[in-house]
Amino acid sequence: MVQRFSFTTSLVVLSSVISLAGVTASSALAERVGVSAAVTLIATGTPPGISTREIVMGQDIVYDELIETDSRGQTQVLMVDRTALTIGPNS
């Protein structure tokens, strides 16, 4: 015997699935705030929830990413609003 669901029940289930998919997708994607425009020697970035990576020129920088440099490293980030942020050594 085939069980039929009412239109309302089907709509509630469908909207729940779509809502959960949206929450999962949005938490997996970080908001891009800029791009690395220059890197001298070593600069690293640690996006939220992701392991530390070496920053290379042209790489996206995301909201709340921790950027660090060693004693000789520097980097410049071009923000989406076209302002530039320069991060010097030992930062």
C-alpha atoms as a PDB file:
ATOM      1  CA  MET A   1       0.000   0.000   0.000  1.00  0.00           C
ATOM      2  CA  VAL A   2       1.351   3.420  -0.970  1.00  0.00           C
ATOM      3  CA  GLN A   3       1.127   6.079   1.693  1.00  0.00           C
ATOM      4  CA  ARG A   4       0.289   9.579   0.497  1.00  0.00           C
ATOM      5  CA  PHE A   5       1.394  12.690   2.290  1.00  0.00           C
ATOM      6  CA  SER A   6      -0.655  15.826   2.337  1.00  0.00           C
ATOM      7  CA  PHE A   7       0.556  18.876   0.437  1.00  0.00           C
ATOM      8  CA  THR A   8       1.207  20.678   3.741  1.00  0.00           C
ATOM      9  CA  THR A   9       3.338  17.828   5.106  1.00  0.00           C
ATOM     10  CA  SER A  10       5.342  17.668   1.879  1.00  0.00           C
ATOM     11  CA  LEU A  11       5.865  21.436   1.944  1.00  0.00           C
ATOM     12  CA  VAL A  12       7.073  21.376   5.569  1.00  0.00           C
ATOM     13  CA  VAL A  13       9.549  18.564   4.845  1.00  0.00           C
ATOM     14  CA  LEU A  14      10.848  20.292   1.703  1.00  0.00           C
ATOM     15  CA  SER A  15      11.319  23.645   3.440  1.00  0.00           C
ATOM     16  CA  SER A  16      13.143  21.939   6.334  1.00  0.00           C
ATOM     17  CA  VAL A  17      15.553  20.231   3.947  1.00  0.00           C
ATOM     18  CA  ILE A  18      16.220  23.489   2.083  1.00  0.00           C
ATOM     19  CA  SER A  19      16.793  25.366   5.353  1.00  0.00           C
ATOM     20  CA  LEU A  20      19.274  22.783   6.621  1.00  0.00           C
ATOM     21  CA  ALA A  21      21.133  22.798   3.310  1.00  0.00           C
ATOM     22  CA  GLY A  22      21.430  26.593   3.466  1.00  0.00           C
ATOM     23  CA  VAL A  23      22.821  26.537   7.003  1.00  0.00           C
ATOM     24  CA  THR A  24      25.388  23.894   6.077  1.00  0.00           C
ATOM     25  CA  ALA A  25      26.496  25.735   2.941  1.00  0.00           C
ATOM     26  CA  SER A  26      26.799  29.129   4.629  1.00  0.00           C
ATOM     27  CA  SER A  27      28.902  27.788   7.489  1.00  0.00           C
ATOM     28  CA  ALA A  28      31.248  26.090   5.025  1.00  0.00           C
ATOM     29  CA  LEU A  29      31.902  29.263   3.057  1.00  0.00           C
ATOM     30  CA  ALA A  30      33.815  32.137   4.590  1.00  0.00           C
ATOM     31  CA  GLU A  31      33.164  35.714   3.541  1.00  0.00           C
ATOM     32  CA  ARG A  32      35.914  37.056   1.269  1.00  0.00           C
ATOM     33  CA  VAL A  33      37.175  40.443   2.480  1.00  0.00           C
ATOM     34  CA  GLY A  34      40.195  40.931   0.254  1.00  0.00           C
ATOM     35  CA  VAL A  35      43.092  39.458  -1.674  1.00  0.00           C
ATOM     36  CA  SER A  36      46.816  39.325  -0.958  1.00  0.00           C
ATOM     37  CA  ALA A  37      48.403  41.868  -3.293  1.00  0.00           C
ATOM     38  CA  ALA A  38      52.030  41.415  -2.200  1.00  0.00           C
ATOM     39  CA  VAL A  39      53.971  39.000  -0.035  1.00  0.00           C
ATOM     40  CA  THR A  40      57.610  39.386   1.026  1.00  0.00           C
ATOM     41  CA  LEU A  41      59.170  36.255   2.493  1.00  0.00           C
ATOM     42  CA  ILE A  42      56.806  34.497   4.916  1.00  0.00           C
ATOM     43  CA  ALA A  43      53.255  35.427   5.840  1.00  0.00           C
ATOM     44  CA  THR A  44      50.685  32.942   7.107  1.00  0.00           C
ATOM     45  CA  GLY A  45      46.925  33.056   7.418  1.00  0.00           C
ATOM     46  CA  THR A  46      44.585  31.074   9.620  1.00  0.00           C
ATOM     47  CA  PRO A  47      40.957  31.323   8.479  1.00  0.00           C
ATOM     48  CA  PRO A  48      38.304  30.464  11.093  1.00  0.00           C
ATOM     49  CA  GLY A  49      38.009  26.696  11.470  1.00  0.00           C
ATOM     50  CA  ILE A  50      40.775  25.936   8.959  1.00  0.00           C
ATOM     51  CA  SER A  51      44.446  25.124   9.518  1.00  0.00           C
ATOM     52  CA  THR A  52      47.210  27.687   8.991  1.00  0.00           C
ATOM     53  CA  ARG A  53      48.406  28.185   5.411  1.00  0.00           C
ATOM     54  CA  GLU A  54      51.169  30.182   3.776  1.00  0.00           C
ATOM     55  CA  ILE A  55      49.786  33.281   2.065  1.00  0.00           C
ATOM     56  CA  VAL A  56      50.740  33.676  -1.585  1.00  0.00           C
ATOM     57  CA  MET A  57      50.097  36.604  -3.889  1.00  0.00           C
ATOM     58  CA  GLY A  58      46.571  36.596  -5.317  1.00  0.00           C
ATOM     59  CA  GLN A  59      45.102  34.460  -2.541  1.00  0.00           C
ATOM     60  CA  ASP A  60      41.698  35.332  -1.061  1.00  0.00           C
ATOM     61  CA  ILE A  61      41.636  36.617   2.512  1.00  0.00           C
ATOM     62  CA  VAL A  62      38.474  35.877   4.499  1.00  0.00           C
ATOM     63  CA  TYR A  63      36.659  37.575   7.360  1.00  0.00           C
ATOM     64  CA  ASP A  64      38.280  37.006  10.765  1.00  0.00           C
ATOM     65  CA  GLU A  65      41.398  35.386   9.263  1.00  0.00           C
ATOM     66  CA  LEU A  66      44.453  35.660  11.510  1.00  0.00           C
ATOM     67  CA  ILE A  67      47.413  36.939   9.463  1.00  0.00           C
ATOM     68  CA  GLU A  68      50.932  36.619  10.879  1.00  0.00           C
ATOM     69  CA  THR A  69      54.430  37.421   9.633  1.00  0.00           C
ATOM     70  CA  ASP A  70      57.863  36.332  10.821  1.00  0.00           C
ATOM     71  CA  SER A  71      60.766  38.661  11.642  1.00  0.00           C
ATOM     72  CA  ARG A  72      61.307  39.574   7.970  1.00  0.00           C
ATOM     73  CA  GLY A  73      57.931  38.828   6.402  1.00  0.00           C
ATOM     74  CA  GLN A  74      55.441  41.395   5.120  1.00  0.00           C
ATOM     75  CA  THR A  75      52.187  41.262   3.218  1.00  0.00           C
ATOM     76  CA  GLN A  76      49.715  43.701   1.754  1.00  0.00           C
ATOM     77  CA  VAL A  77      46.005  42.937   1.503  1.00  0.00           C
ATOM     78  CA  LEU A  78      43.797  44.761  -0.987  1.00  0.00           C
ATOM     79  CA  MET A  79      40.367  44.895   0.633  1.00  0.00           C
ATOM     80  CA  VAL A  80      37.128  44.580  -1.360  1.00  0.00           C
ATOM     81  CA  ASP A  81      36.459  48.306  -0.809  1.00  0.00           C
ATOM     82  CA  ARG A  82      39.837  49.028  -2.512  1.00  0.00           C
ATOM     83  CA  THR A  83      41.664  50.070   0.672  1.00  0.00           C
ATOM     84  CA  ALA A  84      45.056  48.501   1.324  1.00  0.00           C
ATOM     85  CA  LEU A  85      46.248  46.977   4.581  1.00  0.00           C
ATOM     86  CA  THR A  86      50.002  46.496   4.983  1.00  0.00           C
ATOM     87  CA  ILE A  87      51.183  44.034   7.620  1.00  0.00           C
ATOM     88  CA  GLY A  88      54.830  44.421   8.614  1.00  0.00           C
ATOM     89  CA  PRO A  89      57.412  42.094  10.164  1.00  0.00           C
ATOM     90  CA  ASN A  90      56.689  40.362  13.482  1.00  0.00           C
ATOM     91  CA  SER A  91      52.972  40.969  13.207  1.00  0.00           C
END
